[in-house]
Amino acid sequence: MRLTAFRIRNFRSIVDTGWQELAHDNITSLIGQNESGKTSILEGLKAFHDGHLIEDMLRSDLSLPAVDCRFNYRWEDLEN
């Protein structure tokens, strides 16, 4: 199973990333200025993986955070 796209909303400094497609060659770079949200993206994906949030990850405007992910998988992956 492979993560192909994600969208993060109302999470730390992020209001809405929009759907971000990941490269098909399994190499993805996060590039941006300091304090632009790169770490917040990684922490949002980690929160999705772990299934829990830490209070300081929430936005101060009390909006509910959301992390949506799209995956591709092969049938063989599901059998194992």
PDB file of N, CA and C in Angstrom:
ATOM      1  N   MET A   1       0.851  -1.165   0.000  1.00  0.00           N
ATOM      2  CA  MET A   1       0.000   0.000   0.000  1.00  0.00           C
ATOM      3  C   MET A   1       0.902   1.235   0.000  1.00  0.00           C
ATOM      4  N   ARG A   2       0.501   2.233  -0.789  1.00  0.00           N
ATOM      5  CA  ARG A   2       1.332   3.424  -0.934  1.00  0.00           C
ATOM      6  C   ARG A   2       0.471   4.676  -0.825  1.00  0.00           C
ATOM      7  N   LEU A   3       0.938   5.618  -0.021  1.00  0.00           N
ATOM      8  CA  LEU A   3       0.278   6.913   0.095  1.00  0.00           C
ATOM      9  C   LEU A   3       0.468   7.668  -1.216  1.00  0.00           C
ATOM     10  N   THR A   4      -0.632   8.121  -1.827  1.00  0.00           N
ATOM     11  CA  THR A   4      -0.531   8.824  -3.103  1.00  0.00           C
ATOM     12  C   THR A   4      -0.886  10.304  -3.000  1.00  0.00           C
ATOM     13  N   ALA A   5      -1.674  10.683  -1.981  1.00  0.00           N
ATOM     14  CA  ALA A   5      -2.067  12.086  -1.834  1.00  0.00           C
ATOM     15  C   ALA A   5      -2.549  12.332  -0.408  1.00  0.00           C
ATOM     16  N   PHE A   6      -2.483  13.588   0.008  1.00  0.00           N
ATOM     17  CA  PHE A   6      -2.994  13.944   1.333  1.00  0.00           C
ATOM     18  C   PHE A   6      -3.566  15.353   1.304  1.00  0.00           C
ATOM     19  N   ARG A   7      -4.408  15.618   2.293  1.00  0.00           N
ATOM     20  CA  ARG A   7      -4.957  16.958   2.512  1.00  0.00           C
ATOM     21  C   ARG A   7      -5.044  17.174   4.016  1.00  0.00           C
ATOM     22  N   ILE A   8      -4.508  18.279   4.492  1.00  0.00           N
ATOM     23  CA  ILE A   8      -4.508  18.592   5.924  1.00  0.00           C
ATOM     24  C   ILE A   8      -5.235  19.920   6.110  1.00  0.00           C
ATOM     25  N   ARG A   9      -6.180  19.938   7.066  1.00  0.00           N
ATOM     26  CA  ARG A   9      -6.951  21.153   7.340  1.00  0.00           C
ATOM     27  C   ARG A   9      -6.982  21.426   8.836  1.00  0.00           C
ATOM     28  N   ASN A  10      -6.890  22.704   9.177  1.00  0.00           N
ATOM     29  CA  ASN A  10      -7.043  23.165  10.565  1.00  0.00           C
ATOM     30  C   ASN A  10      -6.090  22.459  11.525  1.00  0.00           C
ATOM     31  N   PHE A  11      -4.850  22.351  11.139  1.00  0.00           N
ATOM     32  CA  PHE A  11      -3.850  21.635  11.930  1.00  0.00           C
ATOM     33  C   PHE A  11      -2.646  22.541  12.128  1.00  0.00           C
ATOM     34  N   ARG A  12      -2.374  22.910  13.371  1.00  0.00           N
ATOM     35  CA  ARG A  12      -1.288  23.825  13.724  1.00  0.00           C
ATOM     36  C   ARG A  12      -1.334  25.068  12.857  1.00  0.00           C
ATOM     37  N   SER A  13      -0.301  25.346  12.084  1.00  0.00           N
ATOM     38  CA  SER A  13      -0.273  26.566  11.268  1.00  0.00           C
ATOM     39  C   SER A  13      -1.017  26.404   9.943  1.00  0.00           C
ATOM     40  N   ILE A  14      -1.489  25.211   9.644  1.00  0.00           N
ATOM     41  CA  ILE A  14      -2.096  24.919   8.343  1.00  0.00           C
ATOM     42  C   ILE A  14      -3.600  25.167   8.387  1.00  0.00           C
ATOM     43  N   VAL A  15      -4.083  25.982   7.461  1.00  0.00           N
ATOM     44  CA  VAL A  15      -5.527  26.164   7.303  1.00  0.00           C
ATOM     45  C   VAL A  15      -6.053  25.085   6.363  1.00  0.00           C
ATOM     46  N   ASP A  16      -5.471  24.953   5.169  1.00  0.00           N
ATOM     47  CA  ASP A  16      -5.878  23.920   4.209  1.00  0.00           C
ATOM     48  C   ASP A  16      -4.780  23.769   3.162  1.00  0.00           C
ATOM     49  N   THR A  17      -4.194  22.585   3.078  1.00  0.00           N
ATOM     50  CA  THR A  17      -3.157  22.342   2.075  1.00  0.00           C
ATOM     51  C   THR A  17      -3.746  22.110   0.693  1.00  0.00           C
ATOM     52  N   GLY A  18      -5.043  21.808   0.620  1.00  0.00           N
ATOM     53  CA  GLY A  18      -5.594  21.298  -0.633  1.00  0.00           C
ATOM     54  C   GLY A  18      -5.027  19.904  -0.843  1.00  0.00           C
ATOM     55  N   TRP A  19      -5.526  19.197  -1.839  1.00  0.00           N
ATOM     56  CA  TRP A  19      -4.995  17.855  -2.099  1.00  0.00           C
ATOM     57  C   TRP A  19      -3.597  17.966  -2.697  1.00  0.00           C
ATOM     58  N   GLN A  20      -2.638  17.312  -2.070  1.00  0.00           N
ATOM     59  CA  GLN A  20      -1.248  17.295  -2.520  1.00  0.00           C
ATOM     60  C   GLN A  20      -0.916  15.890  -3.014  1.00  0.00           C
ATOM     61  N   GLU A  21      -0.632  15.781  -4.299  1.00  0.00           N
ATOM     62  CA  GLU A  21      -0.286  14.493  -4.898  1.00  0.00           C
ATOM     63  C   GLU A  21       1.197  14.213  -4.657  1.00  0.00           C
ATOM     64  N   LEU A  22       1.520  12.982  -4.315  1.00  0.00           N
ATOM     65  CA  LEU A  22       2.911  12.595  -4.093  1.00  0.00           C
ATOM     66  C   LEU A  22       3.491  12.002  -5.367  1.00  0.00           C
ATOM     67  N   ALA A  23       4.791  12.120  -5.516  1.00  0.00           N
ATOM     68  CA  ALA A  23       5.485  11.619  -6.702  1.00  0.00           C
ATOM     69  C   ALA A  23       5.337  10.104  -6.809  1.00  0.00           C
ATOM     70  N   HIS A  24       5.248   9.620  -8.039  1.00  0.00           N
ATOM     71  CA  HIS A  24       5.099   8.182  -8.268  1.00  0.00           C
ATOM     72  C   HIS A  24       6.415   7.426  -8.146  1.00  0.00           C
ATOM     73  N   ASP A  25       7.532   8.143  -8.047  1.00  0.00           N
ATOM     74  CA  ASP A  25       8.833   7.479  -7.951  1.00  0.00           C
ATOM     75  C   ASP A  25       9.277   7.275  -6.500  1.00  0.00           C
ATOM     76  N   ASN A  26       8.351   7.471  -5.548  1.00  0.00           N
ATOM     77  CA  ASN A  26       8.614   7.274  -4.117  1.00  0.00           C
ATOM     78  C   ASN A  26       9.598   8.279  -3.531  1.00  0.00           C
ATOM     79  N   ILE A  27       9.829   9.385  -4.224  1.00  0.00           N
ATOM     80  CA  ILE A  27      10.686  10.443  -3.687  1.00  0.00           C
ATOM     81  C   ILE A  27       9.865  11.729  -3.646  1.00  0.00           C
ATOM     82  N   THR A  28       9.677  12.268  -2.455  1.00  0.00           N
ATOM     83  CA  THR A  28       8.915  13.500  -2.285  1.00  0.00           C
ATOM     84  C   THR A  28       9.723  14.450  -1.418  1.00  0.00           C
ATOM     85  N   SER A  29       9.787  15.711  -1.806  1.00  0.00           N
ATOM     86  CA  SER A  29      10.520  16.724  -1.041  1.00  0.00           C
ATOM     87  C   SER A  29       9.548  17.767  -0.516  1.00  0.00           C
ATOM     88  N   LEU A  30       9.782  18.197   0.711  1.00  0.00           N
ATOM     89  CA  LEU A  30       9.062  19.337   1.278  1.00  0.00           C
ATOM     90  C   LEU A  30      10.042  20.498   1.314  1.00  0.00           C
ATOM     91  N   ILE A  31       9.764  21.513   0.534  1.00  0.00           N
ATOM     92  CA  ILE A  31      10.673  22.650   0.427  1.00  0.00           C
ATOM     93  C   ILE A  31       9.891  23.919   0.733  1.00  0.00           C
ATOM     94  N   GLY A  32      10.457  24.772   1.564  1.00  0.00           N
ATOM     95  CA  GLY A  32       9.801  26.035   1.868  1.00  0.00           C
ATOM     96  C   GLY A  32      10.625  26.850   2.839  1.00  0.00           C
ATOM     97  N   GLN A  33      10.219  28.096   3.018  1.00  0.00           N
ATOM     98  CA  GLN A  33      10.895  28.982   3.951  1.00  0.00           C
ATOM     99  C   GLN A  33      10.686  28.489   5.376  1.00  0.00           C
ATOM    100  N   ASN A  34      11.509  29.009   6.284  1.00  0.00           N
ATOM    101  CA  ASN A  34      11.322  28.708   7.704  1.00  0.00           C
ATOM    102  C   ASN A  34       9.920  29.116   8.130  1.00  0.00           C
ATOM    103  N   GLU A  35       9.330  28.326   9.023  1.00  0.00           N
ATOM    104  CA  GLU A  35       7.989  28.614   9.559  1.00  0.00           C
ATOM    105  C   GLU A  35       6.893  28.585   8.497  1.00  0.00           C
ATOM    106  N   SER A  36       7.097  27.833   7.410  1.00  0.00           N
ATOM    107  CA  SER A  36       6.077  27.783   6.354  1.00  0.00           C
ATOM    108  C   SER A  36       5.138  26.591   6.489  1.00  0.00           C
ATOM    109  N   GLY A  37       5.402  25.687   7.451  1.00  0.00           N
ATOM    110  CA  GLY A  37       4.484  24.576   7.689  1.00  0.00           C
ATOM    111  C   GLY A  37       5.000  23.200   7.308  1.00  0.00           C
ATOM    112  N   LYS A  38       6.263  23.084   6.947  1.00  0.00           N
ATOM    113  CA  LYS A  38       6.813  21.780   6.556  1.00  0.00           C
ATOM    114  C   LYS A  38       6.710  20.765   7.692  1.00  0.00           C
ATOM    115  N   THR A  39       7.108  21.156   8.882  1.00  0.00           N
ATOM    116  CA  THR A  39       7.038  20.260  10.041  1.00  0.00           C
ATOM    117  C   THR A  39       5.589  19.952  10.386  1.00  0.00           C
ATOM    118  N   SER A  40       4.708  20.916  10.240  1.00  0.00           N
ATOM    119  CA  SER A  40       3.288  20.681  10.516  1.00  0.00           C
ATOM    120  C   SER A  40       2.709  19.626   9.575  1.00  0.00           C
ATOM    121  N   ILE A  41       3.138  19.625   8.326  1.00  0.00           N
ATOM    122  CA  ILE A  41       2.686  18.595   7.385  1.00  0.00           C
ATOM    123  C   ILE A  41       3.137  17.220   7.868  1.00  0.00           C
ATOM    124  N   LEU A  42       4.405  17.099   8.230  1.00  0.00           N
ATOM    125  CA  LEU A  42       4.907  15.805   8.705  1.00  0.00           C
ATOM    126  C   LEU A  42       4.199  15.365   9.982  1.00  0.00           C
ATOM    127  N   GLU A  43       3.957  16.301  10.901  1.00  0.00           N
ATOM    128  CA  GLU A  43       3.262  15.958  12.142  1.00  0.00           C
ATOM    129  C   GLU A  43       1.806  15.594  11.881  1.00  0.00           C
ATOM    130  N   GLY A  44       1.180  16.231  10.899  1.00  0.00           N
ATOM    131  CA  GLY A  44      -0.186  15.872  10.528  1.00  0.00           C
ATOM    132  C   GLY A  44      -0.269  14.463   9.975  1.00  0.00           C
ATOM    133  N   LEU A  45       0.682  14.097   9.118  1.00  0.00           N
ATOM    134  CA  LEU A  45       0.707  12.735   8.580  1.00  0.00           C
ATOM    135  C   LEU A  45       1.008  11.720   9.674  1.00  0.00           C
ATOM    136  N   LYS A  46       1.866  12.078  10.615  1.00  0.00           N
ATOM    137  CA  LYS A  46       2.155  11.186  11.738  1.00  0.00           C
ATOM    138  C   LYS A  46       0.917  11.013  12.616  1.00  0.00           C
ATOM    139  N   ALA A  47       0.169  12.099  12.856  1.00  0.00           N
ATOM    140  CA  ALA A  47      -1.061  12.009  13.648  1.00  0.00           C
ATOM    141  C   ALA A  47      -2.073  11.100  12.955  1.00  0.00           C
ATOM    142  N   PHE A  48      -2.146  11.161  11.621  1.00  0.00           N
ATOM    143  CA  PHE A  48      -3.024  10.259  10.873  1.00  0.00           C
ATOM    144  C   PHE A  48      -2.600   8.814  11.101  1.00  0.00           C
ATOM    145  N   HIS A  49      -1.297   8.564  10.995  1.00  0.00           N
ATOM    146  CA  HIS A  49      -0.763   7.212  11.166  1.00  0.00           C
ATOM    147  C   HIS A  49      -0.991   6.692  12.576  1.00  0.00           C
ATOM    148  N   ASP A  50      -0.704   7.526  13.582  1.00  0.00           N
ATOM    149  CA  ASP A  50      -0.817   7.101  14.979  1.00  0.00           C
ATOM    150  C   ASP A  50      -2.255   7.095  15.477  1.00  0.00           C
ATOM    151  N   GLY A  51      -3.098   7.913  14.869  1.00  0.00           N
ATOM    152  CA  GLY A  51      -4.498   7.959  15.268  1.00  0.00           C
ATOM    153  C   GLY A  51      -4.801   8.833  16.465  1.00  0.00           C
ATOM    154  N   HIS A  52      -3.891   9.729  16.837  1.00  0.00           N
ATOM    155  CA  HIS A  52      -4.186  10.629  17.953  1.00  0.00           C
ATOM    156  C   HIS A  52      -3.493  11.977  17.769  1.00  0.00           C
ATOM    157  N   LEU A  53      -4.097  12.996  18.371  1.00  0.00           N
ATOM    158  CA  LEU A  53      -3.570  14.357  18.311  1.00  0.00           C
ATOM    159  C   LEU A  53      -3.106  14.795  19.683  1.00  0.00           C
ATOM    160  N   ILE A  54      -2.167  15.719  19.707  1.00  0.00           N
ATOM    161  CA  ILE A  54      -1.724  16.354  20.940  1.00  0.00           C
ATOM    162  C   ILE A  54      -2.329  17.755  20.943  1.00  0.00           C
ATOM    163  N   GLU A  55      -2.740  18.224  22.101  1.00  0.00           N
ATOM    164  CA  GLU A  55      -3.475  19.489  22.192  1.00  0.00           C
ATOM    165  C   GLU A  55      -2.769  20.649  21.502  1.00  0.00           C
ATOM    166  N   ASP A  56      -1.438  20.730  21.579  1.00  0.00           N
ATOM    167  CA  ASP A  56      -0.751  21.869  20.958  1.00  0.00           C
ATOM    168  C   ASP A  56      -0.701  21.774  19.432  1.00  0.00           C
ATOM    169  N   MET A  57      -1.224  20.690  18.868  1.00  0.00           N
ATOM    170  CA  MET A  57      -1.300  20.566  17.415  1.00  0.00           C
ATOM    171  C   MET A  57      -2.561  21.217  16.850  1.00  0.00           C
ATOM    172  N   LEU A  58      -3.492  21.591  17.731  1.00  0.00           N
ATOM    173  CA  LEU A  58      -4.748  22.172  17.282  1.00  0.00           C
ATOM    174  C   LEU A  58      -4.580  23.662  17.011  1.00  0.00           C
ATOM    175  N   ARG A  59      -5.366  24.181  16.083  1.00  0.00           N
ATOM    176  CA  ARG A  59      -5.344  25.620  15.786  1.00  0.00           C
ATOM    177  C   ARG A  59      -6.027  26.367  16.915  1.00  0.00           C
ATOM    178  N   SER A  60      -5.633  27.591  17.107  1.00  0.00           N
ATOM    179  CA  SER A  60      -6.182  28.386  18.207  1.00  0.00           C
ATOM    180  C   SER A  60      -7.620  28.830  17.959  1.00  0.00           C
ATOM    181  N   ASP A  61      -8.111  28.745  16.715  1.00  0.00           N
ATOM    182  CA  ASP A  61      -9.487  29.177  16.437  1.00  0.00           C
ATOM    183  C   ASP A  61     -10.507  28.071  16.702  1.00  0.00           C
ATOM    184  N   LEU A  62     -10.070  26.969  17.294  1.00  0.00           N
ATOM    185  CA  LEU A  62     -10.923  25.848  17.705  1.00  0.00           C
ATOM    186  C   LEU A  62     -11.555  25.084  16.545  1.00  0.00           C
ATOM    187  N   SER A  63     -11.079  25.278  15.322  1.00  0.00           N
ATOM    188  CA  SER A  63     -11.557  24.483  14.196  1.00  0.00           C
ATOM    189  C   SER A  63     -11.086  23.048  14.364  1.00  0.00           C
ATOM    190  N   LEU A  64     -11.929  22.104  14.006  1.00  0.00           N
ATOM    191  CA  LEU A  64     -11.538  20.701  14.124  1.00  0.00           C
ATOM    192  C   LEU A  64     -10.522  20.348  13.042  1.00  0.00           C
ATOM    193  N   PRO A  65      -9.426  19.703  13.424  1.00  0.00           N
ATOM    194  CA  PRO A  65      -8.424  19.315  12.432  1.00  0.00           C
ATOM    195  C   PRO A  65      -8.899  18.114  11.619  1.00  0.00           C
ATOM    196  N   ALA A  66      -8.403  18.016  10.395  1.00  0.00           N
ATOM    197  CA  ALA A  66      -8.713  16.872   9.540  1.00  0.00           C
ATOM    198  C   ALA A  66      -7.484  16.541   8.712  1.00  0.00           C
ATOM    199  N   VAL A  67      -7.160  15.262   8.653  1.00  0.00           N
ATOM    200  CA  VAL A  67      -6.089  14.771   7.792  1.00  0.00           C
ATOM    201  C   VAL A  67      -6.696  13.670   6.942  1.00  0.00           C
ATOM    202  N   ASP A  68      -6.756  13.897   5.635  1.00  0.00           N
ATOM    203  CA  ASP A  68      -7.306  12.919   4.699  1.00  0.00           C
ATOM    204  C   ASP A  68      -6.166  12.377   3.854  1.00  0.00           C
ATOM    205  N   CYS A  69      -6.191  11.078   3.606  1.00  0.00           N
ATOM    206  CA  CYS A  69      -5.137  10.442   2.818  1.00  0.00           C
ATOM    207  C   CYS A  69      -5.754   9.538   1.763  1.00  0.00           C
ATOM    208  N   ARG A  70      -5.083   9.455   0.630  1.00  0.00           N
ATOM    209  CA  ARG A  70      -5.461   8.518  -0.434  1.00  0.00           C
ATOM    210  C   ARG A  70      -4.325   7.517  -0.592  1.00  0.00           C
ATOM    211  N   PHE A  71      -4.705   6.270  -0.785  1.00  0.00           N
ATOM    212  CA  PHE A  71      -3.729   5.201  -0.933  1.00  0.00           C
ATOM    213  C   PHE A  71      -4.007   4.408  -2.200  1.00  0.00           C
ATOM    214  N   ASN A  72      -2.965   3.867  -2.797  1.00  0.00           N
ATOM    215  CA  ASN A  72      -3.072   2.848  -3.836  1.00  0.00           C
ATOM    216  C   ASN A  72      -2.582   1.548  -3.236  1.00  0.00           C
ATOM    217  N   TYR A  73      -3.206   0.475  -3.622  1.00  0.00           N
ATOM    218  CA  TYR A  73      -2.762  -0.825  -3.126  1.00  0.00           C
ATOM    219  C   TYR A  73      -2.957  -1.876  -4.202  1.00  0.00           C
ATOM    220  N   ARG A  74      -2.218  -2.941  -4.067  1.00  0.00           N
ATOM    221  CA  ARG A  74      -2.362  -4.094  -4.946  1.00  0.00           C
ATOM    222  C   ARG A  74      -3.177  -5.141  -4.206  1.00  0.00           C
ATOM    223  N   TRP A  75      -3.909  -5.936  -4.914  1.00  0.00           N
ATOM    224  CA  TRP A  75      -4.721  -6.981  -4.300  1.00  0.00           C
ATOM    225  C   TRP A  75      -3.848  -7.890  -3.436  1.00  0.00           C
ATOM    226  N   GLU A  76      -2.639  -8.177  -3.893  1.00  0.00           N
ATOM    227  CA  GLU A  76      -1.728  -9.042  -3.136  1.00  0.00           C
ATOM    228  C   GLU A  76      -1.403  -8.441  -1.769  1.00  0.00           C
ATOM    229  N   ASP A  77      -1.357  -7.112  -1.681  1.00  0.00           N
ATOM    230  CA  ASP A  77      -1.078  -6.453  -0.403  1.00  0.00           C
ATOM    231  C   ASP A  77      -2.168  -6.752   0.620  1.00  0.00           C
ATOM    232  N   LEU A  78      -3.402  -6.859   0.165  1.00  0.00           N
ATOM    233  CA  LEU A  78      -4.517  -7.111   1.075  1.00  0.00           C
ATOM    234  C   LEU A  78      -4.565  -8.555   1.546  1.00  0.00           C
ATOM    235  N   GLU A  79      -4.052  -9.471   0.753  1.00  0.00           N
ATOM    236  CA  GLU A  79      -4.086 -10.888   1.115  1.00  0.00           C
ATOM    237  C   GLU A  79      -3.095 -11.218   2.219  1.00  0.00           C
ATOM    238  N   ASN A  80      -2.042 -10.437   2.353  1.00  0.00           N
ATOM    239  CA  ASN A  80      -1.009 -10.718   3.359  1.00  0.00           C
ATOM    240  C   ASN A  80      -1.347 -10.033   4.616  1.00  0.00           C
TER     241      ASN A  80
END
